[in-house]
Amino acid sequence: MNVQQNIETVRGFRDILPPLSIKRQKVLDIIRKYFTRYGFLPIDTPTVEYDALLKGDNEEDSAVSDRFRLKDRGNRDLSLRFEFTVQLSRILKENPTLKLPLRRWQIGNVFRDEPIGQGRYREFTQCDADIIGDANIQADAECVALAASILNELGISHKILVNNRKLLNEICADLGISNVQEVLREVDKIQKIGEMEVKINLAKILEKEKIIRLFEMLGKNLTTLIKAGYEGAKEIKELQKYCSYYSIKAEFSPSLVRGFGYYTGSIFEIKEKTSETEITIAAGGRYDKKVGKYINRDLPAVGISFGLDRVEEIADIKVKNTTILIISIEKDEEAIFLAEKLRKEDIPIILQFGKISKGLEYANALALPYVLFLGADEVKAKKYKIRDMKSGKEEMLGIQELIKKLSSR
């Protein structure tokens, strides 16, 4: 029996169509530009990896446990990548001659089989920049500065929060807390559910006295923590100093943890400043014990990651269709010649052959700025009639005048 299926987008996935796709490409162009300006080099990796690699030793992390798992025809256990960082450990094992420090960037889709909601998808585009092989705090500041530069050009008002996993581990050690990762996962929820709810959750895994002392420590300012001799606090102060050299203010946030268990030092989140819920738009940190695990080395590493879907949504940039329509009026060969000449000048062109009325209707539907008409009169005069679709004004231009006008649109 044939069962009719609904032909529709799978929940948690989406199509990206114009005009959003045009804005998306403009945002990507800006991100790529700054990745390159800061000296990062492009890398691309497979969407599918062996499940053992992606699972690693951190299956308790939500992103790891939510990975999409599958089997190939050889019955091998595979997974879709849920981020890029974990793949770096394989790359370094298989490419031992890579020159360090490696400054790499990558943009691509990642997958997580997690609950969906407004603005949350199971397939999303991640934009990462990482520095592998540099243990200096200056590398941490470079990642923060890179992110700030991108967000500034995108017109996104933001604030930068920083903390340090080393500091959190030191505090837990002083308080005699042994189940550190479990406790920090709860602390990381303070901004989402509030201190009271977090304390209730912690009461299930931690003694009351330790909870009280933990929150006392989280309430202390950075100067006090530095005086108490915490190395992680000193690193935060150093990071703030170098951020200031980039004219960036980095705020100390003692309850900032970041979900992944592999962070070892600086951690940072960048939040939309105008959002009432302070949604995170970029994040990262230092993970010195992650990428060298398969070559038996503790390679220093730090990185920053953007979720493109959120960034494109709030980016304050103008999006307009710059494509030009050429309508051939029984002069197809000449129209093709003109179109190719303009395309070589980096002017995007759509060609149409047929009725003028249909061409104008099409141009209006796509909000194209100009339409060029090419008929016998234009070919004879070696001038081209161009119509401004917004004002309706028409003029006759020679080829060089035309190129100049369209190149500066």
Foldseek 3Di string as FASTA:
>chain_A
DDDDDDPDDDPQDDDQDPPLVLLLVVLVVLLVVLLVVLPAAEDDDDQKDQLCLLLPPFCVQQQNVQWAWDADPVRGIMTGAQDCPSCLLVVCVVCVPDDPQHWHKYKDWGAGNDDDDVLGGRIFIKIKIKTWFDPDLLRVLSQVLSVVVSQVVLVFAKAKEKFWVQLQVVQCVVLVNDPSLVLLQLLQCCLPPHDVVSLVVVVVPDPPVSSVSSVVVLPDDLVVSVVVPRPLSVSVVVNQVSNVVSVHGYHYRSSNDDRTPQAHTMWMFMFRPPDPSGDTFKIWHWRQQRNNVSVPDRMTMIMMMGGSSVSSVPGPDDGDDLEEEEEEPPPVVVSVVLQVVLVVLVHHYDYDYDDPVVVLVVCVVRVHQKYWYDDPVCVVVQWIWMAGNVVRDIDTGHSVVVSVVSVVD
